[in-house]
Amino acid sequence: MNRIKEVLKDKGISQTWLAKQTGKSYNTINEYARNVRQPSLEDLYTIADILSVDVKELLKSKSNV
């Protein structure tokens, strides 16, 4: 499970913008955000870098932060 959707919401960033930045389709980013599909480790690090967060922030639940 990941927190991509929550981090995007907290930062006021759209899934469409993230898709453009990563070179992934909107559908792929949407599936990541809904936890229907999990990003590869490489993609997770890319997303963390683009969002300027530690990769752990994309993986931890809010109760564990």
Protein backbone atom coordinates (compact mmCIF):
# COMPACT_ATOMS: atom_id res chain seq x y z
CA MET A 1 0.00 0.00 0.00
CA ASN A 2 1.17 3.51 -0.71
CA ARG A 3 0.19 7.06 0.22
CA ILE A 4 0.62 8.70 -3.17
CA LYS A 5 -2.97 9.99 -3.19
CA GLU A 6 -2.63 11.54 0.27
CA VAL A 7 0.71 13.18 -0.51
CA LEU A 8 -0.65 14.64 -3.75
CA LYS A 9 -3.67 16.01 -1.87
CA ASP A 10 -1.49 17.46 0.92
CA LYS A 11 0.69 19.22 -1.66
CA GLY A 12 -2.20 20.35 -3.85
CA ILE A 13 -0.81 18.47 -6.86
CA SER A 14 -2.95 16.71 -9.44
CA GLN A 15 -2.51 13.18 -10.70
CA THR A 16 -2.44 14.62 -14.22
CA TRP A 17 0.55 16.80 -13.36
CA LEU A 18 2.37 13.86 -11.77
CA ALA A 19 1.67 11.73 -14.82
CA LYS A 20 3.26 14.36 -17.06
CA GLN A 21 6.29 14.70 -14.78
CA THR A 22 6.89 10.94 -14.63
CA GLY A 23 6.10 10.20 -18.26
CA LYS A 24 3.47 7.71 -17.10
CA SER A 25 -0.12 7.71 -18.27
CA TYR A 26 -2.81 9.29 -16.12
CA ASN A 27 -4.39 5.83 -15.78
CA THR A 28 -1.17 4.39 -14.36
CA ILE A 29 -0.81 7.18 -11.80
CA ASN A 30 -4.49 6.85 -10.91
CA GLU A 31 -4.07 3.12 -10.33
CA TYR A 32 -1.07 3.85 -8.08
CA ALA A 33 -3.07 6.47 -6.17
CA ARG A 34 -6.00 4.09 -5.66
CA ASN A 35 -3.66 1.23 -4.67
CA VAL A 36 -5.03 -0.89 -7.51
CA ARG A 37 -1.48 -1.27 -8.77
CA GLN A 38 1.82 -0.66 -7.01
CA PRO A 39 4.69 1.29 -8.58
CA SER A 40 8.05 -0.38 -9.03
CA LEU A 41 10.71 0.62 -6.53
CA GLU A 42 12.36 2.73 -9.23
CA ASP A 43 9.07 4.51 -9.99
CA LEU A 44 8.44 5.04 -6.28
CA TYR A 45 11.81 6.79 -5.91
CA THR A 46 11.11 8.87 -9.03
CA ILE A 47 7.73 9.95 -7.65
CA ALA A 48 9.27 10.79 -4.26
CA ASP A 49 11.94 12.89 -5.97
CA ILE A 50 9.37 14.76 -8.08
CA LEU A 51 7.20 15.42 -5.02
CA SER A 52 10.23 16.41 -2.90
CA VAL A 53 9.48 13.89 -0.18
CA ASP A 54 11.37 11.00 1.31
CA VAL A 55 10.26 7.72 -0.22
CA LYS A 56 9.22 6.63 3.29
CA GLU A 57 6.49 9.30 3.21
CA LEU A 58 4.91 7.47 0.29
CA LEU A 59 4.86 4.22 2.22
CA LYS A 60 4.05 5.07 5.84
CA SER A 61 0.54 5.34 7.10
CA LYS A 62 -0.25 8.65 8.82
CA SER A 63 -0.48 6.89 12.17
CA ASN A 64 3.13 5.73 11.78
CA VAL A 65 4.56 9.10 10.71
